[in-house]
Amino acid sequence: MKSVLEFDLPDDKYQFEAALNGIEWKDIVSTVLDDGRDIAKYGAGLITNYNEAKSLASIDYMQPPTDDQVIEYVQITIVQKLLDKIYSNLDEKGLSFDEL
């Protein structure tokens, strides 16, 4: 079985790029989901205890942090780790949101 996709370039550039790189984007999402599962299940590469989080948060806040600030620091750390992974995978595969 064969399949042929046709695009009218440059009008269909977005659809062309999506078809051309779709599997790469799927791989990135799959990798990030796996990393998210690892973080949720094992705390992979994250802060391991409250005292460590409080110590690291105090550097950002330049004073002893409140409990809310420690929680905020941990949440930001988790989000930043996932964002770093996304951008690392994009760079590795030569993809960019700017291309779309």
Foldseek 3Di string as FASTA:
>chain_A
DDDDDDDDPPVCVVVVVCVVCVVLVVVLVVVLVVVVVCCVPPVPPADDDQVSLQVVLCVVVVHRDDPVSSVVSRVVVVVVVSVVSSVVSCVVVVHDPVSD
